[in-house]
N, C-alpha and C. Protein backbone atom coordinates (compact mmCIF):
# COMPACT_ATOMS: atom_id res chain seq x y z
N MET A 1 0.85 -1.18 0.00
CA MET A 1 0.00 0.00 0.00
C MET A 1 0.89 1.24 0.00
N GLN A 2 0.58 2.18 -0.80
CA GLN A 2 1.35 3.42 -0.89
C GLN A 2 0.70 4.49 -0.02
N ALA A 3 1.49 5.18 0.78
CA ALA A 3 0.98 6.28 1.61
C ALA A 3 0.72 7.50 0.74
N LYS A 4 0.02 8.50 1.28
CA LYS A 4 -0.29 9.72 0.52
C LYS A 4 0.97 10.42 0.07
N ASN A 5 1.98 10.50 0.94
CA ASN A 5 3.27 11.06 0.56
C ASN A 5 3.99 9.98 -0.26
N SER A 6 4.26 10.23 -1.52
CA SER A 6 4.77 9.19 -2.41
C SER A 6 6.12 8.62 -1.99
N SER A 7 6.84 9.26 -1.08
CA SER A 7 8.12 8.72 -0.64
C SER A 7 7.94 7.77 0.55
N LEU A 8 6.74 7.68 1.10
CA LEU A 8 6.47 6.79 2.22
C LEU A 8 5.71 5.56 1.74
N GLN A 9 5.92 4.45 2.43
CA GLN A 9 5.16 3.23 2.14
C GLN A 9 4.61 2.69 3.44
N THR A 10 3.45 2.08 3.36
CA THR A 10 2.84 1.46 4.52
C THR A 10 2.15 0.18 4.06
N GLY A 11 1.90 -0.72 4.96
CA GLY A 11 1.23 -1.96 4.63
C GLY A 11 1.04 -2.78 5.88
N ASN A 12 0.51 -3.97 5.73
CA ASN A 12 0.33 -4.88 6.86
C ASN A 12 1.04 -6.17 6.54
N PHE A 13 2.06 -6.46 7.33
CA PHE A 13 2.93 -7.61 7.11
C PHE A 13 2.15 -8.92 7.04
N PHE A 14 1.16 -9.08 7.92
CA PHE A 14 0.42 -10.34 7.98
C PHE A 14 -0.70 -10.42 6.95
N ARG A 15 -1.49 -9.38 6.80
CA ARG A 15 -2.61 -9.41 5.85
C ARG A 15 -2.13 -9.56 4.41
N GLU A 16 -0.95 -9.04 4.13
CA GLU A 16 -0.43 -9.09 2.77
C GLU A 16 0.36 -10.38 2.49
N SER A 17 0.48 -11.25 3.48
CA SER A 17 1.22 -12.50 3.30
C SER A 17 0.43 -13.47 2.43
N GLN A 18 1.10 -14.02 1.44
CA GLN A 18 0.52 -15.06 0.60
C GLN A 18 1.40 -16.29 0.75
N PHE A 19 0.79 -17.47 0.76
CA PHE A 19 1.53 -18.70 0.95
C PHE A 19 1.57 -19.52 -0.33
N PRO A 20 2.67 -20.26 -0.54
CA PRO A 20 2.69 -21.20 -1.65
C PRO A 20 1.55 -22.21 -1.46
N LYS A 21 0.98 -22.68 -2.56
CA LYS A 21 -0.16 -23.61 -2.49
C LYS A 21 0.19 -24.84 -1.65
N ASP A 22 1.36 -25.40 -1.86
CA ASP A 22 1.84 -26.54 -1.06
C ASP A 22 3.35 -26.64 -1.25
N LYS A 23 3.95 -27.69 -0.68
CA LYS A 23 5.42 -27.79 -0.68
C LYS A 23 6.03 -28.01 -2.07
N THR A 24 5.21 -28.31 -3.08
CA THR A 24 5.75 -28.48 -4.43
C THR A 24 5.99 -27.13 -5.12
N PHE A 25 5.47 -26.05 -4.54
CA PHE A 25 5.68 -24.71 -5.08
C PHE A 25 6.83 -24.05 -4.32
N PRO A 26 7.55 -23.11 -4.93
CA PRO A 26 8.65 -22.44 -4.21
C PRO A 26 8.14 -21.48 -3.14
N GLU A 27 9.01 -21.18 -2.18
CA GLU A 27 8.70 -20.16 -1.19
C GLU A 27 8.40 -18.85 -1.92
N ILE A 28 7.69 -17.95 -1.23
CA ILE A 28 7.39 -16.65 -1.83
C ILE A 28 8.22 -15.59 -1.12
N PHE A 29 9.03 -14.88 -1.90
CA PHE A 29 9.88 -13.81 -1.39
C PHE A 29 9.26 -12.47 -1.81
N SER A 30 8.93 -11.64 -0.82
CA SER A 30 8.32 -10.34 -1.10
C SER A 30 9.25 -9.24 -0.60
N GLY A 31 9.80 -8.47 -1.52
CA GLY A 31 10.70 -7.38 -1.15
C GLY A 31 9.94 -6.25 -0.47
N LEU A 32 10.45 -5.82 0.67
CA LEU A 32 9.83 -4.73 1.41
C LEU A 32 10.65 -3.45 1.35
N PHE A 33 11.98 -3.60 1.29
CA PHE A 33 12.88 -2.45 1.22
C PHE A 33 14.20 -2.92 0.67
N GLU A 34 14.82 -2.06 -0.16
CA GLU A 34 16.14 -2.39 -0.70
C GLU A 34 16.96 -1.13 -0.88
N SER A 35 18.22 -1.21 -0.47
CA SER A 35 19.20 -0.16 -0.74
C SER A 35 20.49 -0.86 -1.15
N ASP A 36 21.58 -0.09 -1.31
CA ASP A 36 22.84 -0.68 -1.77
C ASP A 36 23.33 -1.82 -0.89
N ASN A 37 23.19 -1.68 0.43
CA ASN A 37 23.77 -2.67 1.35
C ASN A 37 22.74 -3.36 2.24
N LEU A 38 21.45 -3.20 1.93
CA LEU A 38 20.41 -3.73 2.81
C LEU A 38 19.21 -4.18 2.00
N VAL A 39 18.71 -5.38 2.30
CA VAL A 39 17.47 -5.88 1.71
C VAL A 39 16.62 -6.43 2.85
N ILE A 40 15.36 -6.00 2.90
CA ILE A 40 14.41 -6.51 3.89
C ILE A 40 13.29 -7.17 3.10
N GLU A 41 12.97 -8.42 3.47
CA GLU A 41 11.93 -9.12 2.75
C GLU A 41 11.10 -10.00 3.67
N ARG A 42 9.91 -10.31 3.19
CA ARG A 42 9.05 -11.29 3.85
C ARG A 42 9.18 -12.57 3.04
N ILE A 43 9.34 -13.69 3.74
CA ILE A 43 9.39 -14.99 3.09
C ILE A 43 8.25 -15.82 3.66
N THR A 44 7.47 -16.44 2.79
CA THR A 44 6.43 -17.34 3.28
C THR A 44 6.72 -18.75 2.77
N SER A 45 6.57 -19.70 3.67
CA SER A 45 6.84 -21.11 3.39
C SER A 45 5.62 -21.93 3.78
N ASN A 46 5.46 -23.05 3.10
CA ASN A 46 4.34 -23.93 3.38
C ASN A 46 4.80 -25.38 3.17
N GLY A 47 5.76 -25.80 3.99
CA GLY A 47 6.32 -27.14 3.86
C GLY A 47 7.57 -27.23 3.01
N GLN A 48 8.08 -26.11 2.50
CA GLN A 48 9.26 -26.13 1.63
C GLN A 48 10.52 -26.50 2.42
N THR A 49 11.45 -27.14 1.72
CA THR A 49 12.78 -27.45 2.26
C THR A 49 13.80 -27.19 1.16
N THR A 50 15.07 -27.15 1.53
CA THR A 50 16.13 -27.03 0.53
C THR A 50 16.24 -28.37 -0.18
N PRO A 51 16.21 -28.40 -1.50
CA PRO A 51 16.22 -29.66 -2.25
C PRO A 51 17.48 -30.51 -2.03
N GLY A 52 17.28 -31.83 -2.00
CA GLY A 52 18.36 -32.81 -1.98
C GLY A 52 19.51 -32.48 -1.05
N ASP A 53 20.70 -32.58 -1.59
CA ASP A 53 21.91 -32.28 -0.81
C ASP A 53 22.42 -30.88 -1.11
N GLU A 54 21.55 -29.97 -1.58
CA GLU A 54 21.96 -28.60 -1.87
C GLU A 54 22.20 -27.83 -0.57
N TRP A 55 23.09 -26.84 -0.67
CA TRP A 55 23.36 -25.95 0.46
C TRP A 55 23.20 -24.52 -0.03
N LEU A 56 22.58 -23.70 0.78
CA LEU A 56 22.44 -22.28 0.47
C LEU A 56 23.67 -21.56 1.00
N GLU A 57 24.17 -20.61 0.25
CA GLU A 57 25.33 -19.82 0.69
C GLU A 57 25.21 -18.43 0.08
N GLU A 58 25.08 -17.44 0.91
CA GLU A 58 24.91 -16.06 0.46
C GLU A 58 26.20 -15.27 0.70
N ASN A 59 26.44 -14.25 -0.10
CA ASN A 59 27.63 -13.42 0.09
C ASN A 59 27.31 -12.20 0.96
N PHE A 60 26.24 -12.29 1.75
CA PHE A 60 25.86 -11.23 2.68
C PHE A 60 25.37 -11.87 3.98
N ASN A 61 25.36 -11.10 5.05
CA ASN A 61 24.81 -11.56 6.32
C ASN A 61 23.30 -11.66 6.21
N GLU A 62 22.73 -12.60 6.94
CA GLU A 62 21.28 -12.78 6.92
C GLU A 62 20.79 -12.94 8.36
N TRP A 63 19.83 -12.12 8.73
CA TRP A 63 19.18 -12.20 10.04
C TRP A 63 17.72 -12.49 9.76
N VAL A 64 17.21 -13.60 10.31
CA VAL A 64 15.82 -13.97 10.07
C VAL A 64 15.07 -14.09 11.39
N LEU A 65 13.81 -13.67 11.35
CA LEU A 65 12.90 -13.77 12.49
C LEU A 65 11.69 -14.54 12.00
N LEU A 66 11.37 -15.65 12.68
CA LEU A 66 10.19 -16.42 12.32
C LEU A 66 9.01 -15.89 13.11
N LEU A 67 8.07 -15.29 12.41
CA LEU A 67 6.91 -14.67 13.05
C LEU A 67 5.75 -15.64 13.22
N GLN A 68 5.71 -16.68 12.40
CA GLN A 68 4.65 -17.68 12.49
C GLN A 68 5.19 -19.01 12.00
N GLY A 69 4.82 -20.10 12.66
CA GLY A 69 5.19 -21.44 12.23
C GLY A 69 6.41 -21.98 12.95
N GLU A 70 6.96 -23.05 12.39
CA GLU A 70 8.15 -23.72 12.92
C GLU A 70 9.05 -24.11 11.75
N SER A 71 10.35 -24.17 12.03
CA SER A 71 11.31 -24.52 10.99
C SER A 71 12.55 -25.15 11.62
N LYS A 72 13.29 -25.84 10.79
CA LYS A 72 14.57 -26.40 11.23
C LYS A 72 15.62 -26.00 10.19
N ILE A 73 16.68 -25.36 10.67
CA ILE A 73 17.79 -24.93 9.82
C ILE A 73 19.03 -25.72 10.21
N LYS A 74 19.74 -26.21 9.23
CA LYS A 74 20.96 -26.98 9.48
C LYS A 74 22.14 -26.29 8.80
N LEU A 75 23.26 -26.20 9.51
CA LEU A 75 24.50 -25.67 8.95
C LEU A 75 25.36 -26.82 8.46
N LEU A 76 26.23 -26.55 7.49
CA LEU A 76 27.13 -27.58 6.97
C LEU A 76 28.00 -28.14 8.09
N SER A 77 28.29 -27.34 9.10
CA SER A 77 29.10 -27.78 10.24
C SER A 77 28.39 -28.84 11.08
N GLY A 78 27.09 -29.06 10.84
CA GLY A 78 26.33 -30.05 11.59
C GLY A 78 25.39 -29.46 12.63
N GLU A 79 25.57 -28.19 12.95
CA GLU A 79 24.68 -27.55 13.92
C GLU A 79 23.27 -27.48 13.34
N GLU A 80 22.27 -27.74 14.20
CA GLU A 80 20.88 -27.66 13.79
C GLU A 80 20.13 -26.73 14.74
N TYR A 81 19.20 -25.97 14.17
CA TYR A 81 18.42 -25.01 14.95
C TYR A 81 16.95 -25.24 14.69
N MET A 82 16.22 -25.64 15.73
CA MET A 82 14.77 -25.75 15.64
C MET A 82 14.24 -24.37 16.00
N ILE A 83 13.54 -23.74 15.08
CA ILE A 83 13.09 -22.37 15.24
C ILE A 83 11.56 -22.36 15.33
N GLN A 84 11.06 -21.66 16.34
CA GLN A 84 9.62 -21.52 16.52
C GLN A 84 9.24 -20.05 16.44
N SER A 85 7.94 -19.77 16.39
CA SER A 85 7.47 -18.39 16.32
C SER A 85 8.15 -17.53 17.37
N GLY A 86 8.71 -16.41 16.93
CA GLY A 86 9.40 -15.48 17.81
C GLY A 86 10.90 -15.68 17.88
N ASP A 87 11.40 -16.81 17.39
CA ASP A 87 12.84 -17.07 17.40
C ASP A 87 13.51 -16.39 16.20
N TYR A 88 14.75 -15.97 16.39
CA TYR A 88 15.52 -15.39 15.30
C TYR A 88 16.85 -16.11 15.19
N LEU A 89 17.48 -15.97 14.03
CA LEU A 89 18.75 -16.63 13.75
C LEU A 89 19.59 -15.70 12.88
N PHE A 90 20.85 -15.52 13.24
CA PHE A 90 21.81 -14.76 12.44
C PHE A 90 22.68 -15.76 11.70
N ILE A 91 22.74 -15.63 10.38
CA ILE A 91 23.57 -16.49 9.55
C ILE A 91 24.63 -15.61 8.89
N PRO A 92 25.89 -15.72 9.32
CA PRO A 92 26.95 -14.89 8.73
C PRO A 92 27.13 -15.18 7.23
N ALA A 93 27.61 -14.19 6.52
CA ALA A 93 27.89 -14.34 5.08
C ALA A 93 28.76 -15.57 4.85
N ASN A 94 28.51 -16.24 3.73
CA ASN A 94 29.29 -17.40 3.28
C ASN A 94 29.19 -18.60 4.21
N THR A 95 28.11 -18.69 4.98
CA THR A 95 27.86 -19.86 5.83
C THR A 95 26.91 -20.79 5.09
N LYS A 96 27.36 -21.99 4.80
CA LYS A 96 26.51 -22.95 4.10
C LYS A 96 25.45 -23.46 5.06
N HIS A 97 24.19 -23.40 4.59
CA HIS A 97 23.07 -23.82 5.43
C HIS A 97 21.95 -24.35 4.53
N ARG A 98 20.99 -25.01 5.17
CA ARG A 98 19.84 -25.53 4.43
C ARG A 98 18.61 -25.54 5.32
N VAL A 99 17.46 -25.47 4.69
CA VAL A 99 16.20 -25.55 5.41
C VAL A 99 15.76 -27.01 5.39
N GLU A 100 15.72 -27.61 6.57
CA GLU A 100 15.37 -29.02 6.69
C GLU A 100 13.86 -29.23 6.83
N PHE A 101 13.15 -28.21 7.34
CA PHE A 101 11.73 -28.35 7.61
C PHE A 101 11.09 -26.98 7.72
N THR A 102 9.89 -26.81 7.19
CA THR A 102 9.03 -25.67 7.49
C THR A 102 7.61 -26.21 7.68
N SER A 103 6.91 -25.67 8.66
CA SER A 103 5.55 -26.14 8.94
C SER A 103 4.59 -25.65 7.86
N SER A 104 3.50 -26.40 7.73
CA SER A 104 2.45 -25.98 6.80
C SER A 104 1.16 -25.63 7.54
N LYS A 105 1.03 -26.02 8.77
CA LYS A 105 -0.14 -25.68 9.58
C LYS A 105 0.34 -25.25 10.95
N PRO A 106 0.62 -23.99 11.17
CA PRO A 106 0.46 -22.90 10.21
C PRO A 106 1.68 -22.79 9.29
N GLY A 107 1.47 -22.13 8.17
CA GLY A 107 2.58 -21.82 7.28
C GLY A 107 3.55 -20.88 7.97
N CYS A 108 4.77 -20.80 7.47
CA CYS A 108 5.81 -19.95 8.06
C CYS A 108 5.79 -18.56 7.43
N ILE A 109 5.91 -17.55 8.29
CA ILE A 109 6.08 -16.18 7.85
C ILE A 109 7.38 -15.68 8.47
N TRP A 110 8.33 -15.32 7.63
CA TRP A 110 9.66 -14.88 8.04
C TRP A 110 9.85 -13.40 7.73
N LEU A 111 10.58 -12.71 8.59
CA LEU A 111 11.13 -11.40 8.28
C LEU A 111 12.62 -11.63 8.09
N ALA A 112 13.13 -11.32 6.91
CA ALA A 112 14.55 -11.55 6.60
C ALA A 112 15.23 -10.22 6.31
N ILE A 113 16.38 -10.03 6.95
CA ILE A 113 17.18 -8.84 6.71
C ILE A 113 18.54 -9.28 6.22
N HIS A 114 18.91 -8.84 5.02
CA HIS A 114 20.18 -9.19 4.39
C HIS A 114 21.02 -7.92 4.33
N TYR A 115 22.28 -8.02 4.76
CA TYR A 115 23.15 -6.83 4.71
C TYR A 115 24.60 -7.24 4.55
N LYS A 116 25.40 -6.28 4.08
CA LYS A 116 26.84 -6.54 3.89
C LYS A 116 27.60 -6.12 5.12
């Protein structure tokens, strides 16, 4: 939603959340703010996991807050994090990780902040 002042934006994080139909569809990434060194996005999951033996690795820091649902994140080092609503996780740049589980009832709503 656009505010009256065209340089301002407003919206509702939860009402505007859309979920993938089921785990066969990809997660939905919704950009909320972006600048040269910062990206803020909402991610919605509905049973999605990282495919096969793939590992995610970003060239920026990632801080995620799970606002709804449950998830399990695994690092290549073997550490595992069971994350529930209200939990957050900081993943340093170039850390290999994967999503082992996301709940579908309820679906997961994440706030993700990526920065250099």
